[in-house]
Amino acid sequence: MAGSSQYSTGNTAKLTKTVKDGDGNPLSGATVALTVKNPKGIVTSVSGKTDANGTYTYSYFITKNLRGKFTVTATTTLANYNSSSASTTFNVVK
């Protein structure tokens, strides 16, 4: 997953997941399920399909005055391929 590792409150975190096959070719139409867990333990779940470049992007708004570590997990599925998951974190500092 791509994106910055540090944000400020009141801004938007752009979360991007790119899905490729074993040869590195982008996979369009894959389902990406994202969960974002904020420092208070509240989870936001969204899902969508990858584009022709194998990319799915979600813009997550960071509530003002909510600081700390956020955990993002992406799970991808596509017929005839093994599903996969990846997790990362980002911090909100001010």
PDB file of N, CA and C in Angstrom:
ATOM      1  N   MET A   1       0.848  -1.175   0.000  1.00  0.00           N
ATOM      2  CA  MET A   1       0.000   0.000   0.000  1.00  0.00           C
ATOM      3  C   MET A   1       0.890   1.233   0.000  1.00  0.00           C
ATOM      4  N   ALA A   2       0.425   2.225  -0.679  1.00  0.00           N
ATOM      5  CA  ALA A   2       1.212   3.448  -0.783  1.00  0.00           C
ATOM      6  C   ALA A   2       0.505   4.585  -0.067  1.00  0.00           C
ATOM      7  N   GLY A   3       1.247   5.585   0.258  1.00  0.00           N
ATOM      8  CA  GLY A   3       0.731   6.761   0.934  1.00  0.00           C
ATOM      9  C   GLY A   3       1.805   7.296   1.853  1.00  0.00           C
ATOM     10  N   SER A   4       1.555   8.413   2.455  1.00  0.00           N
ATOM     11  CA  SER A   4       2.499   8.993   3.394  1.00  0.00           C
ATOM     12  C   SER A   4       2.424   8.229   4.706  1.00  0.00           C
ATOM     13  N   SER A   5       3.421   8.388   5.552  1.00  0.00           N
ATOM     14  CA  SER A   5       3.383   7.723   6.860  1.00  0.00           C
ATOM     15  C   SER A   5       3.018   8.696   7.977  1.00  0.00           C
ATOM     16  N   GLN A   6       2.866   9.974   7.651  1.00  0.00           N
ATOM     17  CA  GLN A   6       2.543  10.969   8.676  1.00  0.00           C
ATOM     18  C   GLN A   6       1.606  12.034   8.115  1.00  0.00           C
ATOM     19  N   TYR A   7       0.574  12.351   8.892  1.00  0.00           N
ATOM     20  CA  TYR A   7      -0.437  13.330   8.477  1.00  0.00           C
ATOM     21  C   TYR A   7      -0.772  14.250   9.638  1.00  0.00           C
ATOM     22  N   SER A   8      -1.533  15.292   9.330  1.00  0.00           N
ATOM     23  CA  SER A   8      -2.060  16.205  10.339  1.00  0.00           C
ATOM     24  C   SER A   8      -3.571  16.036  10.411  1.00  0.00           C
ATOM     25  N   THR A   9      -4.159  16.345  11.575  1.00  0.00           N
ATOM     26  CA  THR A   9      -5.607  16.241  11.708  1.00  0.00           C
ATOM     27  C   THR A   9      -6.292  17.212  10.757  1.00  0.00           C
ATOM     28  N   GLY A  10      -7.492  16.859  10.340  1.00  0.00           N
ATOM     29  CA  GLY A  10      -8.250  17.695   9.427  1.00  0.00           C
ATOM     30  C   GLY A  10      -7.847  17.542   7.972  1.00  0.00           C
ATOM     31  N   ASN A  11      -6.909  16.649   7.690  1.00  0.00           N
ATOM     32  CA  ASN A  11      -6.464  16.403   6.318  1.00  0.00           C
ATOM     33  C   ASN A  11      -6.975  15.055   5.822  1.00  0.00           C
ATOM     34  N   THR A  12      -6.673  14.749   4.586  1.00  0.00           N
ATOM     35  CA  THR A  12      -7.094  13.497   3.982  1.00  0.00           C
ATOM     36  C   THR A  12      -5.875  12.626   3.704  1.00  0.00           C
ATOM     37  N   ALA A  13      -5.966  11.357   4.121  1.00  0.00           N
ATOM     38  CA  ALA A  13      -4.922  10.377   3.808  1.00  0.00           C
ATOM     39  C   ALA A  13      -5.335   9.659   2.533  1.00  0.00           C
ATOM     40  N   LYS A  14      -4.501   9.699   1.525  1.00  0.00           N
ATOM     41  CA  LYS A  14      -4.773   9.015   0.266  1.00  0.00           C
ATOM     42  C   LYS A  14      -4.177   7.613   0.365  1.00  0.00           C
ATOM     43  N   LEU A  15      -5.052   6.606   0.427  1.00  0.00           N
ATOM     44  CA  LEU A  15      -4.627   5.223   0.589  1.00  0.00           C
ATOM     45  C   LEU A  15      -4.739   4.517  -0.756  1.00  0.00           C
ATOM     46  N   THR A  16      -3.646   3.942  -1.225  1.00  0.00           N
ATOM     47  CA  THR A  16      -3.604   3.324  -2.538  1.00  0.00           C
ATOM     48  C   THR A  16      -3.082   1.903  -2.443  1.00  0.00           C
ATOM     49  N   LYS A  17      -3.786   1.000  -3.110  1.00  0.00           N
ATOM     50  CA  LYS A  17      -3.373  -0.405  -3.191  1.00  0.00           C
ATOM     51  C   LYS A  17      -3.275  -0.766  -4.664  1.00  0.00           C
ATOM     52  N   THR A  18      -2.132  -1.313  -5.082  1.00  0.00           N
ATOM     53  CA  THR A  18      -1.946  -1.784  -6.447  1.00  0.00           C
ATOM     54  C   THR A  18      -1.866  -3.305  -6.429  1.00  0.00           C
ATOM     55  N   VAL A  19      -2.628  -3.936  -7.309  1.00  0.00           N
ATOM     56  CA  VAL A  19      -2.713  -5.390  -7.365  1.00  0.00           C
ATOM     57  C   VAL A  19      -2.077  -5.874  -8.671  1.00  0.00           C
ATOM     58  N   LYS A  20      -1.130  -6.831  -8.538  1.00  0.00           N
ATOM     59  CA  LYS A  20      -0.434  -7.371  -9.705  1.00  0.00           C
ATOM     60  C   LYS A  20      -0.408  -8.897  -9.628  1.00  0.00           C
ATOM     61  N   ASP A  21      -0.247  -9.516 -10.794  1.00  0.00           N
ATOM     62  CA  ASP A  21      -0.104 -10.967 -10.812  1.00  0.00           C
ATOM     63  C   ASP A  21       1.347 -11.340 -10.508  1.00  0.00           C
ATOM     64  N   GLY A  22       1.639 -12.629 -10.543  1.00  0.00           N
ATOM     65  CA  GLY A  22       2.977 -13.105 -10.221  1.00  0.00           C
ATOM     66  C   GLY A  22       4.056 -12.630 -11.167  1.00  0.00           C
ATOM     67  N   ASP A  23       3.667 -12.191 -12.356  1.00  0.00           N
ATOM     68  CA  ASP A  23       4.630 -11.669 -13.328  1.00  0.00           C
ATOM     69  C   ASP A  23       4.755 -10.150 -13.263  1.00  0.00           C
ATOM     70  N   GLY A  24       4.034  -9.527 -12.329  1.00  0.00           N
ATOM     71  CA  GLY A  24       4.110  -8.079 -12.181  1.00  0.00           C
ATOM     72  C   GLY A  24       3.143  -7.301 -13.039  1.00  0.00           C
ATOM     73  N   ASN A  25       2.213  -8.001 -13.693  1.00  0.00           N
ATOM     74  CA  ASN A  25       1.221  -7.318 -14.533  1.00  0.00           C
ATOM     75  C   ASN A  25       0.055  -6.835 -13.667  1.00  0.00           C
ATOM     76  N   PRO A  26      -0.457  -5.620 -13.921  1.00  0.00           N
ATOM     77  CA  PRO A  26      -1.578  -5.107 -13.126  1.00  0.00           C
ATOM     78  C   PRO A  26      -2.846  -5.925 -13.359  1.00  0.00           C
ATOM     79  N   LEU A  27      -3.629  -6.092 -12.307  1.00  0.00           N
ATOM     80  CA  LEU A  27      -4.887  -6.835 -12.387  1.00  0.00           C
ATOM     81  C   LEU A  27      -6.063  -5.881 -12.200  1.00  0.00           C
ATOM     82  N   SER A  28      -6.804  -5.640 -13.271  1.00  0.00           N
ATOM     83  CA  SER A  28      -7.978  -4.781 -13.167  1.00  0.00           C
ATOM     84  C   SER A  28      -9.173  -5.607 -12.718  1.00  0.00           C
ATOM     85  N   GLY A  29     -10.099  -4.968 -12.038  1.00  0.00           N
ATOM     86  CA  GLY A  29     -11.325  -5.623 -11.592  1.00  0.00           C
ATOM     87  C   GLY A  29     -11.196  -6.411 -10.301  1.00  0.00           C
ATOM     88  N   ALA A  30     -10.031  -6.379  -9.663  1.00  0.00           N
ATOM     89  CA  ALA A  30      -9.873  -7.057  -8.374  1.00  0.00           C
ATOM     90  C   ALA A  30     -10.627  -6.270  -7.297  1.00  0.00           C
ATOM     91  N   THR A  31     -11.221  -6.969  -6.358  1.00  0.00           N
ATOM     92  CA  THR A  31     -11.895  -6.311  -5.238  1.00  0.00           C
ATOM     93  C   THR A  31     -10.880  -6.044  -4.145  1.00  0.00           C
ATOM     94  N   VAL A  32     -10.854  -4.810  -3.676  1.00  0.00           N
ATOM     95  CA  VAL A  32      -9.997  -4.416  -2.566  1.00  0.00           C
ATOM     96  C   VAL A  32     -10.892  -3.997  -1.413  1.00  0.00           C
ATOM     97  N   ALA A  33     -10.758  -4.684  -0.284  1.00  0.00           N
ATOM     98  CA  ALA A  33     -11.490  -4.325   0.930  1.00  0.00           C
ATOM     99  C   ALA A  33     -10.496  -3.679   1.888  1.00  0.00           C
ATOM    100  N   LEU A  34     -10.744  -2.407   2.225  1.00  0.00           N
ATOM    101  CA  LEU A  34      -9.868  -1.662   3.136  1.00  0.00           C
ATOM    102  C   LEU A  34     -10.542  -1.483   4.478  1.00  0.00           C
ATOM    103  N   THR A  35      -9.766  -1.633   5.540  1.00  0.00           N
ATOM    104  CA  THR A  35     -10.227  -1.245   6.868  1.00  0.00           C
ATOM    105  C   THR A  35      -9.202  -0.284   7.451  1.00  0.00           C
ATOM    106  N   VAL A  36      -9.699   0.764   8.083  1.00  0.00           N
ATOM    107  CA  VAL A  36      -8.853   1.741   8.755  1.00  0.00           C
ATOM    108  C   VAL A  36      -9.286   1.771  10.210  1.00  0.00           C
ATOM    109  N   LYS A  37      -8.362   1.452  11.107  1.00  0.00           N
ATOM    110  CA  LYS A  37      -8.643   1.476  12.546  1.00  0.00           C
ATOM    111  C   LYS A  37      -7.946   2.687  13.144  1.00  0.00           C
ATOM    112  N   ASN A  38      -8.750   3.588  13.739  1.00  0.00           N
ATOM    113  CA  ASN A  38      -8.162   4.803  14.298  1.00  0.00           C
ATOM    114  C   ASN A  38      -7.661   4.548  15.729  1.00  0.00           C
ATOM    115  N   PRO A  39      -6.966   5.516  16.340  1.00  0.00           N
ATOM    116  CA  PRO A  39      -6.403   5.303  17.674  1.00  0.00           C
ATOM    117  C   PRO A  39      -7.442   5.011  18.765  1.00  0.00           C
ATOM    118  N   LYS A  40      -8.706   5.361  18.532  1.00  0.00           N
ATOM    119  CA  LYS A  40      -9.766   5.072  19.502  1.00  0.00           C
ATOM    120  C   LYS A  40     -10.379   3.688  19.278  1.00  0.00           C
ATOM    121  N   GLY A  41      -9.894   2.965  18.258  1.00  0.00           N
ATOM    122  CA  GLY A  41     -10.392   1.630  17.977  1.00  0.00           C
ATOM    123  C   GLY A  41     -11.582   1.582  17.037  1.00  0.00           C
ATOM    124  N   ILE A  42     -11.995   2.719  16.525  1.00  0.00           N
ATOM    125  CA  ILE A  42     -13.123   2.760  15.592  1.00  0.00           C
ATOM    126  C   ILE A  42     -12.638   2.360  14.201  1.00  0.00           C
ATOM    127  N   VAL A  43     -13.376   1.443  13.565  1.00  0.00           N
ATOM    128  CA  VAL A  43     -12.975   0.904  12.264  1.00  0.00           C
ATOM    129  C   VAL A  43     -13.885   1.438  11.162  1.00  0.00           C
ATOM    130  N   THR A  44     -13.271   1.897  10.086  1.00  0.00           N
ATOM    131  CA  THR A  44     -13.975   2.293   8.876  1.00  0.00           C
ATOM    132  C   THR A  44     -13.661   1.241   7.817  1.00  0.00           C
ATOM    133  N   SER A  45     -14.701   0.702   7.173  1.00  0.00           N
ATOM    134  CA  SER A  45     -14.511  -0.312   6.134  1.00  0.00           C
ATOM    135  C   SER A  45     -15.089   0.179   4.813  1.00  0.00           C
ATOM    136  N   VAL A  46     -14.319   0.020   3.755  1.00  0.00           N
ATOM    137  CA  VAL A  46     -14.760   0.379   2.407  1.00  0.00           C
ATOM    138  C   VAL A  46     -14.239  -0.690   1.448  1.00  0.00           C
ATOM    139  N   SER A  47     -14.826  -0.742   0.258  1.00  0.00           N
ATOM    140  CA  SER A  47     -14.297  -1.646  -0.756  1.00  0.00           C
ATOM    141  C   SER A  47     -14.566  -1.067  -2.131  1.00  0.00           C
ATOM    142  N   GLY A  48     -13.793  -1.541  -3.088  1.00  0.00           N
ATOM    143  CA  GLY A  48     -13.953  -1.101  -4.462  1.00  0.00           C
ATOM    144  C   GLY A  48     -13.143  -1.995  -5.380  1.00  0.00           C
ATOM    145  N   LYS A  49     -13.170  -1.677  -6.658  1.00  0.00           N
ATOM    146  CA  LYS A  49     -12.477  -2.466  -7.682  1.00  0.00           C
ATOM    147  C   LYS A  49     -11.251  -1.709  -8.191  1.00  0.00           C
ATOM    148  N   THR A  50     -10.241  -2.473  -8.573  1.00  0.00           N
ATOM    149  CA  THR A  50      -9.056  -1.861  -9.157  1.00  0.00           C
ATOM    150  C   THR A  50      -9.344  -1.398 -10.585  1.00  0.00           C
ATOM    151  N   ASP A  51      -8.630  -0.369 -11.015  1.00  0.00           N
ATOM    152  CA  ASP A  51      -8.792   0.179 -12.354  1.00  0.00           C
ATOM    153  C   ASP A  51      -7.906  -0.587 -13.352  1.00  0.00           C
ATOM    154  N   ALA A  52      -7.790  -0.082 -14.561  1.00  0.00           N
ATOM    155  CA  ALA A  52      -7.007  -0.742 -15.614  1.00  0.00           C
ATOM    156  C   ALA A  52      -5.528  -0.864 -15.247  1.00  0.00           C
ATOM    157  N   ASN A  53      -5.065  -0.012 -14.330  1.00  0.00           N
ATOM    158  CA  ASN A  53      -3.671  -0.064 -13.869  1.00  0.00           C
ATOM    159  C   ASN A  53      -3.508  -0.938 -12.632  1.00  0.00           C
ATOM    160  N   GLY A  54      -4.590  -1.618 -12.222  1.00  0.00           N
ATOM    161  CA  GLY A  54      -4.538  -2.470 -11.041  1.00  0.00           C
ATOM    162  C   GLY A  54      -4.549  -1.690  -9.739  1.00  0.00           C
ATOM    163  N   THR A  55      -5.017  -0.445  -9.782  1.00  0.00           N
ATOM    164  CA  THR A  55      -4.951   0.442  -8.622  1.00  0.00           C
ATOM    165  C   THR A  55      -6.325   0.770  -8.066  1.00  0.00           C
ATOM    166  N   TYR A  56      -6.427   0.748  -6.747  1.00  0.00           N
ATOM    167  CA  TYR A  56      -7.619   1.212  -6.031  1.00  0.00           C
ATOM    168  C   TYR A  56      -7.153   2.283  -5.052  1.00  0.00           C
ATOM    169  N   THR A  57      -7.833   3.430  -5.038  1.00  0.00           N
ATOM    170  CA  THR A  57      -7.467   4.531  -4.147  1.00  0.00           C
ATOM    171  C   THR A  57      -8.677   4.966  -3.347  1.00  0.00           C
ATOM    172  N   TYR A  58      -8.446   5.213  -2.055  1.00  0.00           N
ATOM    173  CA  TYR A  58      -9.491   5.694  -1.158  1.00  0.00           C
ATOM    174  C   TYR A  58      -8.943   6.893  -0.401  1.00  0.00           C
ATOM    175  N   SER A  59      -9.741   7.940  -0.302  1.00  0.00           N
ATOM    176  CA  SER A  59      -9.353   9.136   0.458  1.00  0.00           C
ATOM    177  C   SER A  59     -10.033   9.094   1.821  1.00  0.00           C
ATOM    178  N   TYR A  60      -9.229   8.970   2.875  1.00  0.00           N
ATOM    179  CA  TYR A  60      -9.720   8.850   4.244  1.00  0.00           C
ATOM    180  C   TYR A  60      -9.553  10.180   4.965  1.00  0.00           C
ATOM    181  N   PHE A  61     -10.656  10.780   5.395  1.00  0.00           N
ATOM    182  CA  PHE A  61     -10.596  12.061   6.097  1.00  0.00           C
ATOM    183  C   PHE A  61     -10.224  11.821   7.557  1.00  0.00           C
ATOM    184  N   ILE A  62      -9.228  12.550   8.041  1.00  0.00           N
ATOM    185  CA  ILE A  62      -8.757  12.426   9.429  1.00  0.00           C
ATOM    186  C   ILE A  62      -9.443  13.497  10.259  1.00  0.00           C
ATOM    187  N   THR A  63     -10.273  13.051  11.191  1.00  0.00           N
ATOM    188  CA  THR A  63     -11.030  13.951  12.052  1.00  0.00           C
ATOM    189  C   THR A  63     -10.090  14.877  12.825  1.00  0.00           C
ATOM    190  N   LYS A  64     -10.500  16.136  12.958  1.00  0.00           N
ATOM    191  CA  LYS A  64      -9.693  17.094  13.724  1.00  0.00           C
ATOM    192  C   LYS A  64      -9.508  16.601  15.157  1.00  0.00           C
ATOM    193  N   ASN A  65      -8.324  16.862  15.689  1.00  0.00           N
ATOM    194  CA  ASN A  65      -7.949  16.538  17.069  1.00  0.00           C
ATOM    195  C   ASN A  65      -7.876  15.049  17.361  1.00  0.00           C
ATOM    196  N   LEU A  66      -7.776  14.207  16.337  1.00  0.00           N
ATOM    197  CA  LEU A  66      -7.604  12.771  16.543  1.00  0.00           C
ATOM    198  C   LEU A  66      -6.178  12.413  16.145  1.00  0.00           C
ATOM    199  N   ARG A  67      -5.332  12.232  17.149  1.00  0.00           N
ATOM    200  CA  ARG A  67      -3.908  11.974  16.921  1.00  0.00           C
ATOM    201  C   ARG A  67      -3.558  10.549  17.329  1.00  0.00           C
ATOM    202  N   GLY A  68      -2.476  10.033  16.751  1.00  0.00           N
ATOM    203  CA  GLY A  68      -1.989   8.710  17.108  1.00  0.00           C
ATOM    204  C   GLY A  68      -1.793   7.836  15.889  1.00  0.00           C
ATOM    205  N   LYS A  69      -1.689   6.517  16.148  1.00  0.00           N
ATOM    206  CA  LYS A  69      -1.415   5.548  15.085  1.00  0.00           C
ATOM    207  C   LYS A  69      -2.707   4.977  14.503  1.00  0.00           C
ATOM    208  N   PHE A  70      -2.798   4.994  13.186  1.00  0.00           N
ATOM    209  CA  PHE A  70      -3.907   4.410  12.435  1.00  0.00           C
ATOM    210  C   PHE A  70      -3.374   3.148  11.751  1.00  0.00           C
ATOM    211  N   THR A  71      -4.167   2.090  11.745  1.00  0.00           N
ATOM    212  CA  THR A  71      -3.774   0.847  11.083  1.00  0.00           C
ATOM    213  C   THR A  71      -4.673   0.610   9.883  1.00  0.00           C
ATOM    214  N   VAL A  72      -4.065   0.350   8.739  1.00  0.00           N
ATOM    215  CA  VAL A  72      -4.795   0.116   7.498  1.00  0.00           C
ATOM    216  C   VAL A  72      -4.514  -1.313   7.029  1.00  0.00           C
ATOM    217  N   THR A  73      -5.578  -2.048   6.726  1.00  0.00           N
ATOM    218  CA  THR A  73      -5.443  -3.398   6.175  1.00  0.00           C
ATOM    219  C   THR A  73      -6.201  -3.463   4.857  1.00  0.00           C
ATOM    220  N   ALA A  74      -5.550  -4.020   3.844  1.00  0.00           N
ATOM    221  CA  ALA A  74      -6.177  -4.212   2.537  1.00  0.00           C
ATOM    222  C   ALA A  74      -6.190  -5.700   2.219  1.00  0.00           C
ATOM    223  N   THR A  75      -7.360  -6.184   1.834  1.00  0.00           N
ATOM    224  CA  THR A  75      -7.504  -7.572   1.397  1.00  0.00           C
ATOM    225  C   THR A  75      -7.994  -7.555  -0.044  1.00  0.00           C
ATOM    226  N   THR A  76      -7.292  -8.285  -0.915  1.00  0.00           N
ATOM    227  CA  THR A  76      -7.660  -8.302  -2.329  1.00  0.00           C
ATOM    228  C   THR A  76      -8.152  -9.682  -2.743  1.00  0.00           C
ATOM    229  N   THR A  77      -9.167  -9.692  -3.601  1.00  0.00           N
ATOM    230  CA  THR A  77      -9.694 -10.940  -4.148  1.00  0.00           C
ATOM    231  C   THR A  77      -9.987 -10.753  -5.628  1.00  0.00           C
ATOM    232  N   LEU A  78      -9.767 -11.822  -6.376  1.00  0.00           N
ATOM    233  CA  LEU A  78     -10.080 -11.847  -7.799  1.00  0.00           C
ATOM    234  C   LEU A  78     -10.201 -13.310  -8.200  1.00  0.00           C
ATOM    235  N   ALA A  79     -11.239 -13.627  -8.958  1.00  0.00           N
ATOM    236  CA  ALA A  79     -11.462 -15.009  -9.399  1.00  0.00           C
ATOM    237  C   ALA A  79     -10.201 -15.575 -10.056  1.00  0.00           C
ATOM    238  N   ASN A  80      -9.920 -16.830  -9.764  1.00  0.00           N
ATOM    239  CA  ASN A  80      -8.776 -17.571 -10.308  1.00  0.00           C
ATOM    240  C   ASN A  80      -7.423 -17.131  -9.763  1.00  0.00           C
ATOM    241  N   TYR A  81      -7.418 -16.303  -8.719  1.00  0.00           N
ATOM    242  CA  TYR A  81      -6.184 -15.881  -8.053  1.00  0.00           C
ATOM    243  C   TYR A  81      -6.344 -16.085  -6.554  1.00  0.00           C
ATOM    244  N   ASN A  82      -5.222 -16.300  -5.871  1.00  0.00           N
ATOM    245  CA  ASN A  82      -5.260 -16.383  -4.408  1.00  0.00           C
ATOM    246  C   ASN A  82      -5.519 -15.003  -3.839  1.00  0.00           C
ATOM    247  N   SER A  83      -6.333 -14.938  -2.778  1.00  0.00           N
ATOM    248  CA  SER A  83      -6.538 -13.648  -2.124  1.00  0.00           C
ATOM    249  C   SER A  83      -5.284 -13.317  -1.315  1.00  0.00           C
ATOM    250  N   SER A  84      -5.113 -12.035  -1.018  1.00  0.00           N
ATOM    251  CA  SER A  84      -3.955 -11.617  -0.227  1.00  0.00           C
ATOM    252  C   SER A  84      -4.340 -10.438   0.646  1.00  0.00           C
ATOM    253  N   SER A  85      -3.575 -10.263   1.709  1.00  0.00           N
ATOM    254  CA  SER A  85      -3.779  -9.140   2.630  1.00  0.00           C
ATOM    255  C   SER A  85      -2.449  -8.467   2.919  1.00  0.00           C
ATOM    256  N   ALA A  86      -2.528  -7.169   3.182  1.00  0.00           N
ATOM    257  CA  ALA A  86      -1.346  -6.391   3.570  1.00  0.00           C
ATOM    258  C   ALA A  86      -1.795  -5.340   4.556  1.00  0.00           C
ATOM    259  N   SER A  87      -0.935  -5.016   5.503  1.00  0.00           N
ATOM    260  CA  SER A  87      -1.247  -3.991   6.504  1.00  0.00           C
ATOM    261  C   SER A  87      -0.109  -2.988   6.596  1.00  0.00           C
ATOM    262  N   THR A  88      -0.477  -1.779   6.986  1.00  0.00           N
ATOM    263  CA  THR A  88       0.496  -0.725   7.221  1.00  0.00           C
ATOM    264  C   THR A  88      -0.086   0.222   8.267  1.00  0.00           C
ATOM    265  N   THR A  89       0.705   1.145   8.709  1.00  0.00           N
ATOM    266  CA  THR A  89       0.245   2.144   9.672  1.00  0.00           C
ATOM    267  C   THR A  89       0.643   3.535   9.198  1.00  0.00           C
ATOM    268  N   PHE A  90      -0.070   4.535   9.697  1.00  0.00           N
ATOM    269  CA  PHE A  90       0.361   5.916   9.540  1.00  0.00           C
ATOM    270  C   PHE A  90       0.057   6.643  10.834  1.00  0.00           C
ATOM    271  N   ASN A  91       0.773   7.733  11.057  1.00  0.00           N
ATOM    272  CA  ASN A  91       0.622   8.505  12.283  1.00  0.00           C
ATOM    273  C   ASN A  91       0.039   9.877  11.994  1.00  0.00           C
ATOM    274  N   VAL A  92      -0.797  10.325  12.917  1.00  0.00           N
ATOM    275  CA  VAL A  92      -1.338  11.685  12.874  1.00  0.00           C
ATOM    276  C   VAL A  92      -0.718  12.413  14.064  1.00  0.00           C
ATOM    277  N   VAL A  93       0.004  13.477  13.784  1.00  0.00           N
ATOM    278  CA  VAL A  93       0.825  14.126  14.806  1.00  0.00           C
ATOM    279  C   VAL A  93       0.342  15.490  15.261  1.00  0.00           C
ATOM    280  N   LYS A  94      -0.452  16.183  14.451  1.00  0.00           N
ATOM    281  CA  LYS A  94      -0.913  17.495  14.907  1.00  0.00           C
ATOM    282  C   LYS A  94      -2.218  17.867  14.282  1.00  0.00           C
TER     283      LYS A  94
END
